[in-house]
Amino acid sequence: MSTAYELGWATLKNGELLAAAEKSGYEVLVTTDTNLKYQQNLTQRKIALVVLSTTSWPRIQKNIKAIVTAIDLAKPNSFQSVEIN
């Protein structure tokens, strides 16, 4: 697991980021960009998106099980949202 920042992808736009991730062999992209599903057409993509409803790390940490489940269930060119309270 890596972050976009760690991979040098922090400046890539959404479509470029998805393309770079796919080219590097990633099967799932976990993001907090809730607009991504409206901005990208996944039908031609191999990668799956798991979108978290918050950027709050403490809240994300408390919901790891739900996030891992979403990742495990992810299929190519799919979108899953994880609501985090």
PDB file of N, CA and C in Angstrom:
ATOM      1  N   MET A   1       0.840  -1.167   0.000  1.00  0.00           N
ATOM      2  CA  MET A   1       0.000   0.000   0.000  1.00  0.00           C
ATOM      3  C   MET A   1       0.890   1.236   0.000  1.00  0.00           C
ATOM      4  N   SER A   2       0.523   2.201  -0.817  1.00  0.00           N
ATOM      5  CA  SER A   2       1.270   3.446  -0.924  1.00  0.00           C
ATOM      6  C   SER A   2       0.296   4.603  -1.076  1.00  0.00           C
ATOM      7  N   THR A   3       0.768   5.789  -0.782  1.00  0.00           N
ATOM      8  CA  THR A   3      -0.043   6.976  -1.020  1.00  0.00           C
ATOM      9  C   THR A   3       0.373   7.603  -2.348  1.00  0.00           C
ATOM     10  N   ALA A   4      -0.526   8.397  -2.912  1.00  0.00           N
ATOM     11  CA  ALA A   4      -0.202   9.102  -4.150  1.00  0.00           C
ATOM     12  C   ALA A   4       1.012   9.996  -3.938  1.00  0.00           C
ATOM     13  N   TYR A   5       1.091  10.619  -2.790  1.00  0.00           N
ATOM     14  CA  TYR A   5       2.226  11.483  -2.479  1.00  0.00           C
ATOM     15  C   TYR A   5       3.534  10.695  -2.490  1.00  0.00           C
ATOM     16  N   GLU A   6       3.540   9.537  -1.842  1.00  0.00           N
ATOM     17  CA  GLU A   6       4.751   8.715  -1.771  1.00  0.00           C
ATOM     18  C   GLU A   6       5.219   8.265  -3.155  1.00  0.00           C
ATOM     19  N   LEU A   7       4.277   8.073  -4.064  1.00  0.00           N
ATOM     20  CA  LEU A   7       4.604   7.608  -5.409  1.00  0.00           C
ATOM     21  C   LEU A   7       4.937   8.753  -6.369  1.00  0.00           C
ATOM     22  N   GLY A   8       4.843   9.995  -5.878  1.00  0.00           N
ATOM     23  CA  GLY A   8       5.108  11.145  -6.734  1.00  0.00           C
ATOM     24  C   GLY A   8       3.934  11.511  -7.612  1.00  0.00           C
ATOM     25  N   TRP A   9       2.737  11.065  -7.247  1.00  0.00           N
ATOM     26  CA  TRP A   9       1.542  11.292  -8.044  1.00  0.00           C
ATOM     27  C   TRP A   9       0.642  12.381  -7.472  1.00  0.00           C
ATOM     28  N   ALA A  10       1.095  13.117  -6.489  1.00  0.00           N
ATOM     29  CA  ALA A  10       0.249  14.084  -5.784  1.00  0.00           C
ATOM     30  C   ALA A  10      -0.290  15.183  -6.700  1.00  0.00           C
ATOM     31  N   THR A  11       0.403  15.481  -7.778  1.00  0.00           N
ATOM     32  CA  THR A  11      -0.042  16.552  -8.670  1.00  0.00           C
ATOM     33  C   THR A  11      -0.885  16.048  -9.836  1.00  0.00           C
ATOM     34  N   LEU A  12      -1.071  14.745  -9.934  1.00  0.00           N
ATOM     35  CA  LEU A  12      -1.857  14.193 -11.043  1.00  0.00           C
ATOM     36  C   LEU A  12      -3.341  14.483 -10.854  1.00  0.00           C
ATOM     37  N   LYS A  13      -4.016  14.782 -11.946  1.00  0.00           N
ATOM     38  CA  LYS A  13      -5.468  14.964 -11.926  1.00  0.00           C
ATOM     39  C   LYS A  13      -6.112  13.582 -11.851  1.00  0.00           C
ATOM     40  N   ASN A  14      -7.405  13.541 -11.566  1.00  0.00           N
ATOM     41  CA  ASN A  14      -8.092  12.274 -11.316  1.00  0.00           C
ATOM     42  C   ASN A  14      -7.893  11.220 -12.406  1.00  0.00           C
ATOM     43  N   GLY A  15      -8.137  11.569 -13.660  1.00  0.00           N
ATOM     44  CA  GLY A  15      -7.963  10.601 -14.744  1.00  0.00           C
ATOM     45  C   GLY A  15      -6.521  10.153 -14.879  1.00  0.00           C
ATOM     46  N   GLU A  16      -5.598  11.080 -14.715  1.00  0.00           N
ATOM     47  CA  GLU A  16      -4.172  10.741 -14.784  1.00  0.00           C
ATOM     48  C   GLU A  16      -3.781   9.834 -13.625  1.00  0.00           C
ATOM     49  N   LEU A  17      -4.341  10.107 -12.455  1.00  0.00           N
ATOM     50  CA  LEU A  17      -4.048   9.293 -11.268  1.00  0.00           C
ATOM     51  C   LEU A  17      -4.552   7.867 -11.464  1.00  0.00           C
ATOM     52  N   LEU A  18      -5.758   7.719 -11.970  1.00  0.00           N
ATOM     53  CA  LEU A  18      -6.296   6.381 -12.218  1.00  0.00           C
ATOM     54  C   LEU A  18      -5.450   5.640 -13.245  1.00  0.00           C
ATOM     55  N   ALA A  19      -5.046   6.331 -14.299  1.00  0.00           N
ATOM     56  CA  ALA A  19      -4.215   5.704 -15.335  1.00  0.00           C
ATOM     57  C   ALA A  19      -2.864   5.277 -14.773  1.00  0.00           C
ATOM     58  N   ALA A  20      -2.251   6.130 -13.967  1.00  0.00           N
ATOM     59  CA  ALA A  20      -0.952   5.789 -13.368  1.00  0.00           C
ATOM     60  C   ALA A  20      -1.079   4.596 -12.432  1.00  0.00           C
ATOM     61  N   ALA A  21      -2.138   4.574 -11.658  1.00  0.00           N
ATOM     62  CA  ALA A  21      -2.353   3.453 -10.727  1.00  0.00           C
ATOM     63  C   ALA A  21      -2.561   2.148 -11.484  1.00  0.00           C
ATOM     64  N   GLU A  22      -3.369   2.192 -12.530  1.00  0.00           N
ATOM     65  CA  GLU A  22      -3.589   0.987 -13.335  1.00  0.00           C
ATOM     66  C   GLU A  22      -2.289   0.519 -13.993  1.00  0.00           C
ATOM     67  N   LYS A  23      -1.546   1.457 -14.553  1.00  0.00           N
ATOM     68  CA  LYS A  23      -0.283   1.108 -15.221  1.00  0.00           C
ATOM     69  C   LYS A  23       0.694   0.470 -14.248  1.00  0.00           C
ATOM     70  N   SER A  24       0.632   0.885 -12.986  1.00  0.00           N
ATOM     71  CA  SER A  24       1.527   0.336 -11.958  1.00  0.00           C
ATOM     72  C   SER A  24       0.997  -0.957 -11.341  1.00  0.00           C
ATOM     73  N   GLY A  25      -0.151  -1.412 -11.809  1.00  0.00           N
ATOM     74  CA  GLY A  25      -0.673  -2.690 -11.359  1.00  0.00           C
ATOM     75  C   GLY A  25      -1.621  -2.634 -10.167  1.00  0.00           C
ATOM     76  N   TYR A  26      -2.002  -1.453  -9.741  1.00  0.00           N
ATOM     77  CA  TYR A  26      -2.945  -1.351  -8.629  1.00  0.00           C
ATOM     78  C   TYR A  26      -4.333  -1.785  -9.092  1.00  0.00           C
ATOM     79  N   GLU A  27      -5.028  -2.515  -8.244  1.00  0.00           N
ATOM     80  CA  GLU A  27      -6.366  -2.990  -8.560  1.00  0.00           C
ATOM     81  C   GLU A  27      -7.440  -2.150  -7.885  1.00  0.00           C
ATOM     82  N   VAL A  28      -7.091  -1.480  -6.786  1.00  0.00           N
ATOM     83  CA  VAL A  28      -8.050  -0.683  -6.020  1.00  0.00           C
ATOM     84  C   VAL A  28      -7.400   0.644  -5.641  1.00  0.00           C
ATOM     85  N   LEU A  29      -8.167   1.721  -5.784  1.00  0.00           N
ATOM     86  CA  LEU A  29      -7.738   3.035  -5.331  1.00  0.00           C
ATOM     87  C   LEU A  29      -8.682   3.458  -4.211  1.00  0.00           C
ATOM     88  N   VAL A  30      -8.122   3.727  -3.042  1.00  0.00           N
ATOM     89  CA  VAL A  30      -8.902   4.212  -1.914  1.00  0.00           C
ATOM     90  C   VAL A  30      -8.704   5.721  -1.854  1.00  0.00           C
ATOM     91  N   THR A  31      -9.816   6.452  -1.814  1.00  0.00           N
ATOM     92  CA  THR A  31      -9.748   7.903  -1.858  1.00  0.00           C
ATOM     93  C   THR A  31     -10.814   8.514  -0.954  1.00  0.00           C
ATOM     94  N   THR A  32     -10.630   9.773  -0.642  1.00  0.00           N
ATOM     95  CA  THR A  32     -11.662  10.513   0.087  1.00  0.00           C
ATOM     96  C   THR A  32     -12.322  11.536  -0.831  1.00  0.00           C
ATOM     97  N   ASP A  33     -12.000  11.507  -2.112  1.00  0.00           N
ATOM     98  CA  ASP A  33     -12.593  12.421  -3.089  1.00  0.00           C
ATOM     99  C   ASP A  33     -13.980  11.907  -3.465  1.00  0.00           C
ATOM    100  N   THR A  34     -14.994  12.406  -2.772  1.00  0.00           N
ATOM    101  CA  THR A  34     -16.361  11.924  -2.984  1.00  0.00           C
ATOM    102  C   THR A  34     -16.932  12.334  -4.336  1.00  0.00           C
ATOM    103  N   ASN A  35     -16.316  13.273  -5.021  1.00  0.00           N
ATOM    104  CA  ASN A  35     -16.784  13.684  -6.345  1.00  0.00           C
ATOM    105  C   ASN A  35     -16.202  12.828  -7.464  1.00  0.00           C
ATOM    106  N   LEU A  36     -15.236  12.005  -7.152  1.00  0.00           N
ATOM    107  CA  LEU A  36     -14.547  11.225  -8.174  1.00  0.00           C
ATOM    108  C   LEU A  36     -15.514  10.351  -8.975  1.00  0.00           C
ATOM    109  N   LYS A  37     -16.501   9.783  -8.321  1.00  0.00           N
ATOM    110  CA  LYS A  37     -17.437   8.904  -9.029  1.00  0.00           C
ATOM    111  C   LYS A  37     -18.249   9.666 -10.073  1.00  0.00           C
ATOM    112  N   TYR A  38     -18.428  10.971  -9.886  1.00  0.00           N
ATOM    113  CA  TYR A  38     -19.160  11.787 -10.845  1.00  0.00           C
ATOM    114  C   TYR A  38     -18.246  12.325 -11.942  1.00  0.00           C
ATOM    115  N   GLN A  39     -16.951  12.350 -11.687  1.00  0.00           N
ATOM    116  CA  GLN A  39     -15.991  12.933 -12.617  1.00  0.00           C
ATOM    117  C   GLN A  39     -15.360  11.906 -13.554  1.00  0.00           C
ATOM    118  N   GLN A  40     -15.430  10.635 -13.192  1.00  0.00           N
ATOM    119  CA  GLN A  40     -14.745   9.607 -13.973  1.00  0.00           C
ATOM    120  C   GLN A  40     -15.707   8.513 -14.412  1.00  0.00           C
ATOM    121  N   ASN A  41     -15.546   8.070 -15.642  1.00  0.00           N
ATOM    122  CA  ASN A  41     -16.309   6.951 -16.170  1.00  0.00           C
ATOM    123  C   ASN A  41     -15.443   5.702 -15.980  1.00  0.00           C
ATOM    124  N   LEU A  42     -15.906   4.806 -15.148  1.00  0.00           N
ATOM    125  CA  LEU A  42     -15.105   3.618 -14.824  1.00  0.00           C
ATOM    126  C   LEU A  42     -15.302   2.461 -15.792  1.00  0.00           C
ATOM    127  N   THR A  43     -16.201   2.583 -16.750  1.00  0.00           N
ATOM    128  CA  THR A  43     -16.483   1.443 -17.621  1.00  0.00           C
ATOM    129  C   THR A  43     -15.273   0.976 -18.413  1.00  0.00           C
ATOM    130  N   GLN A  44     -14.353   1.865 -18.728  1.00  0.00           N
ATOM    131  CA  GLN A  44     -13.154   1.484 -19.480  1.00  0.00           C
ATOM    132  C   GLN A  44     -11.946   1.268 -18.575  1.00  0.00           C
ATOM    133  N   ARG A  45     -12.165   1.295 -17.283  1.00  0.00           N
ATOM    134  CA  ARG A  45     -11.073   1.153 -16.315  1.00  0.00           C
ATOM    135  C   ARG A  45     -11.004  -0.268 -15.778  1.00  0.00           C
ATOM    136  N   LYS A  46      -9.808  -0.667 -15.383  1.00  0.00           N
ATOM    137  CA  LYS A  46      -9.602  -1.948 -14.712  1.00  0.00           C
ATOM    138  C   LYS A  46      -9.645  -1.783 -13.202  1.00  0.00           C
ATOM    139  N   ILE A  47      -9.354  -0.573 -12.749  1.00  0.00           N
ATOM    140  CA  ILE A  47      -9.217  -0.302 -11.321  1.00  0.00           C
ATOM    141  C   ILE A  47     -10.594  -0.116 -10.671  1.00  0.00           C
ATOM    142  N   ALA A  48     -10.679  -0.469  -9.410  1.00  0.00           N
ATOM    143  CA  ALA A  48     -11.889  -0.246  -8.614  1.00  0.00           C
ATOM    144  C   ALA A  48     -11.641   0.934  -7.680  1.00  0.00           C
ATOM    145  N   LEU A  49     -12.697   1.656  -7.366  1.00  0.00           N
ATOM    146  CA  LEU A  49     -12.597   2.782  -6.442  1.00  0.00           C
ATOM    147  C   LEU A  49     -13.336   2.473  -5.146  1.00  0.00           C
ATOM    148  N   VAL A  50     -12.697   2.775  -4.037  1.00  0.00           N
ATOM    149  CA  VAL A  50     -13.322   2.728  -2.724  1.00  0.00           C
ATOM    150  C   VAL A  50     -13.214   4.141  -2.173  1.00  0.00           C
ATOM    151  N   VAL A  51     -14.366   4.782  -1.993  1.00  0.00           N
ATOM    152  CA  VAL A  51     -14.392   6.177  -1.575  1.00  0.00           C
ATOM    153  C   VAL A  51     -14.845   6.277  -0.125  1.00  0.00           C
ATOM    154  N   LEU A  52     -14.006   6.896   0.686  1.00  0.00           N
ATOM    155  CA  LEU A  52     -14.316   7.103   2.098  1.00  0.00           C
ATOM    156  C   LEU A  52     -15.025   8.440   2.254  1.00  0.00           C
ATOM    157  N   SER A  53     -16.001   8.504   3.147  1.00  0.00           N
ATOM    158  CA  SER A  53     -16.825   9.702   3.287  1.00  0.00           C
ATOM    159  C   SER A  53     -16.174  10.800   4.124  1.00  0.00           C
ATOM    160  N   THR A  54     -14.984  10.578   4.629  1.00  0.00           N
ATOM    161  CA  THR A  54     -14.314  11.575   5.461  1.00  0.00           C
ATOM    162  C   THR A  54     -12.808  11.536   5.242  1.00  0.00           C
ATOM    163  N   THR A  55     -12.156  12.629   5.576  1.00  0.00           N
ATOM    164  CA  THR A  55     -10.692  12.669   5.546  1.00  0.00           C
ATOM    165  C   THR A  55     -10.116  12.569   6.960  1.00  0.00           C
ATOM    166  N   SER A  56     -10.967  12.432   7.948  1.00  0.00           N
ATOM    167  CA  SER A  56     -10.534  12.405   9.346  1.00  0.00           C
ATOM    168  C   SER A  56      -9.852  11.075   9.673  1.00  0.00           C
ATOM    169  N   TRP A  57      -8.528  11.127   9.874  1.00  0.00           N
ATOM    170  CA  TRP A  57      -7.768   9.908  10.157  1.00  0.00           C
ATOM    171  C   TRP A  57      -8.263   9.184  11.406  1.00  0.00           C
ATOM    172  N   PRO A  58      -8.554   9.858  12.515  1.00  0.00           N
ATOM    173  CA  PRO A  58      -9.064   9.127  13.680  1.00  0.00           C
ATOM    174  C   PRO A  58     -10.364   8.380  13.382  1.00  0.00           C
ATOM    175  N   ARG A  59     -11.237   8.987  12.604  1.00  0.00           N
ATOM    176  CA  ARG A  59     -12.502   8.324  12.241  1.00  0.00           C
ATOM    177  C   ARG A  59     -12.253   7.172  11.276  1.00  0.00           C
ATOM    178  N   ILE A  60     -11.329   7.362  10.340  1.00  0.00           N
ATOM    179  CA  ILE A  60     -10.990   6.291   9.397  1.00  0.00           C
ATOM    180  C   ILE A  60     -10.428   5.096  10.157  1.00  0.00           C
ATOM    181  N   GLN A  61      -9.527   5.344  11.098  1.00  0.00           N
ATOM    182  CA  GLN A  61      -8.921   4.258  11.874  1.00  0.00           C
ATOM    183  C   GLN A  61      -9.962   3.425  12.609  1.00  0.00           C
ATOM    184  N   LYS A  62     -11.019   4.049  13.068  1.00  0.00           N
ATOM    185  CA  LYS A  62     -12.070   3.329  13.800  1.00  0.00           C
ATOM    186  C   LYS A  62     -12.942   2.479  12.880  1.00  0.00           C
ATOM    187  N   ASN A  63     -12.794   2.659  11.584  1.00  0.00           N
ATOM    188  CA  ASN A  63     -13.638   1.951  10.611  1.00  0.00           C
ATOM    189  C   ASN A  63     -12.832   1.079   9.655  1.00  0.00           C
ATOM    190  N   ILE A  64     -11.650   0.665  10.081  1.00  0.00           N
ATOM    191  CA  ILE A  64     -10.772  -0.129   9.214  1.00  0.00           C
ATOM    192  C   ILE A  64     -11.462  -1.395   8.714  1.00  0.00           C
ATOM    193  N   LYS A  65     -12.211  -2.059   9.558  1.00  0.00           N
ATOM    194  CA  LYS A  65     -12.859  -3.314   9.155  1.00  0.00           C
ATOM    195  C   LYS A  65     -13.795  -3.087   7.966  1.00  0.00           C
ATOM    196  N   ALA A  66     -14.587  -2.032   7.995  1.00  0.00           N
ATOM    197  CA  ALA A  66     -15.504  -1.731   6.890  1.00  0.00           C
ATOM    198  C   ALA A  66     -14.730  -1.382   5.621  1.00  0.00           C
ATOM    199  N   ILE A  67     -13.614  -0.690   5.774  1.00  0.00           N
ATOM    200  CA  ILE A  67     -12.799  -0.312   4.622  1.00  0.00           C
ATOM    201  C   ILE A  67     -12.162  -1.550   3.996  1.00  0.00           C
ATOM    202  N   VAL A  68     -11.614  -2.414   4.817  1.00  0.00           N
ATOM    203  CA  VAL A  68     -11.002  -3.654   4.317  1.00  0.00           C
ATOM    204  C   VAL A  68     -12.048  -4.515   3.624  1.00  0.00           C
ATOM    205  N   THR A  69     -13.245  -4.591   4.174  1.00  0.00           N
ATOM    206  CA  THR A  69     -14.320  -5.355   3.544  1.00  0.00           C
ATOM    207  C   THR A  69     -14.634  -4.791   2.163  1.00  0.00           C
ATOM    208  N   ALA A  70     -14.723  -3.464   2.047  1.00  0.00           N
ATOM    209  CA  ALA A  70     -14.994  -2.831   0.753  1.00  0.00           C
ATOM    210  C   ALA A  70     -13.882  -3.136  -0.246  1.00  0.00           C
ATOM    211  N   ILE A  71     -12.654  -3.099   0.210  1.00  0.00           N
ATOM    212  CA  ILE A  71     -11.523  -3.414  -0.672  1.00  0.00           C
ATOM    213  C   ILE A  71     -11.589  -4.867  -1.115  1.00  0.00           C
ATOM    214  N   ASP A  72     -11.881  -5.766  -0.184  1.00  0.00           N
ATOM    215  CA  ASP A  72     -11.969  -7.187  -0.520  1.00  0.00           C
ATOM    216  C   ASP A  72     -13.080  -7.474  -1.526  1.00  0.00           C
ATOM    217  N   LEU A  73     -14.166  -6.711  -1.469  1.00  0.00           N
ATOM    218  CA  LEU A  73     -15.309  -6.916  -2.366  1.00  0.00           C
ATOM    219  C   LEU A  73     -15.173  -6.169  -3.689  1.00  0.00           C
ATOM    220  N   ALA A  74     -14.178  -5.320  -3.815  1.00  0.00           N
ATOM    221  CA  ALA A  74     -14.007  -4.495  -5.009  1.00  0.00           C
ATOM    222  C   ALA A  74     -13.738  -5.358  -6.242  1.00  0.00           C
ATOM    223  N   LYS A  75     -14.383  -4.972  -7.326  1.00  0.00           N
ATOM    224  CA  LYS A  75     -14.201  -5.649  -8.607  1.00  0.00           C
ATOM    225  C   LYS A  75     -13.756  -4.609  -9.636  1.00  0.00           C
ATOM    226  N   PRO A  76     -13.097  -5.046 -10.695  1.00  0.00           N
ATOM    227  CA  PRO A  76     -12.640  -4.085 -11.704  1.00  0.00           C
ATOM    228  C   PRO A  76     -13.764  -3.156 -12.159  1.00  0.00           C
ATOM    229  N   ASN A  77     -13.430  -1.932 -12.403  1.00  0.00           N
ATOM    230  CA  ASN A  77     -14.285  -0.826 -12.856  1.00  0.00           C
ATOM    231  C   ASN A  77     -15.527  -0.618 -11.989  1.00  0.00           C
ATOM    232  N   SER A  78     -15.395  -0.891 -10.700  1.00  0.00           N
ATOM    233  CA  SER A  78     -16.518  -0.687  -9.782  1.00  0.00           C
ATOM    234  C   SER A  78     -16.247   0.475  -8.837  1.00  0.00           C
ATOM    235  N   PHE A  79     -17.294   0.904  -8.185  1.00  0.00           N
ATOM    236  CA  PHE A  79     -17.230   1.995  -7.227  1.00  0.00           C
ATOM    237  C   PHE A  79     -17.943   1.549  -5.960  1.00  0.00           C
ATOM    238  N   GLN A  80     -17.298   1.754  -4.817  1.00  0.00           N
ATOM    239  CA  GLN A  80     -17.928   1.479  -3.532  1.00  0.00           C
ATOM    240  C   GLN A  80     -17.682   2.670  -2.620  1.00  0.00           C
ATOM    241  N   SER A  81     -18.710   3.002  -1.877  1.00  0.00           N
ATOM    242  CA  SER A  81     -18.607   4.092  -0.913  1.00  0.00           C
ATOM    243  C   SER A  81     -18.638   3.505   0.485  1.00  0.00           C
ATOM    244  N   VAL A  82     -17.774   4.024   1.355  1.00  0.00           N
ATOM    245  CA  VAL A  82     -17.756   3.592   2.753  1.00  0.00           C
ATOM    246  C   VAL A  82     -18.148   4.805   3.594  1.00  0.00           C
ATOM    247  N   GLU A  83     -19.318   4.737   4.198  1.00  0.00           N
ATOM    248  CA  GLU A  83     -19.785   5.811   5.077  1.00  0.00           C
ATOM    249  C   GLU A  83     -19.115   5.676   6.430  1.00  0.00           C
ATOM    250  N   ILE A  84     -18.443   6.711   6.841  1.00  0.00           N
ATOM    251  CA  ILE A  84     -17.708   6.699   8.113  1.00  0.00           C
ATOM    252  C   ILE A  84     -18.324   7.750   9.029  1.00  0.00           C
ATOM    253  N   ASN A  85     -18.736   7.293  10.192  1.00  0.00           N
ATOM    254  CA  ASN A  85     -19.379   8.201  11.154  1.00  0.00           C
ATOM    255  C   ASN A  85     -18.379   8.738  12.146  1.00  0.00           C
TER     256      ASN A  85
END
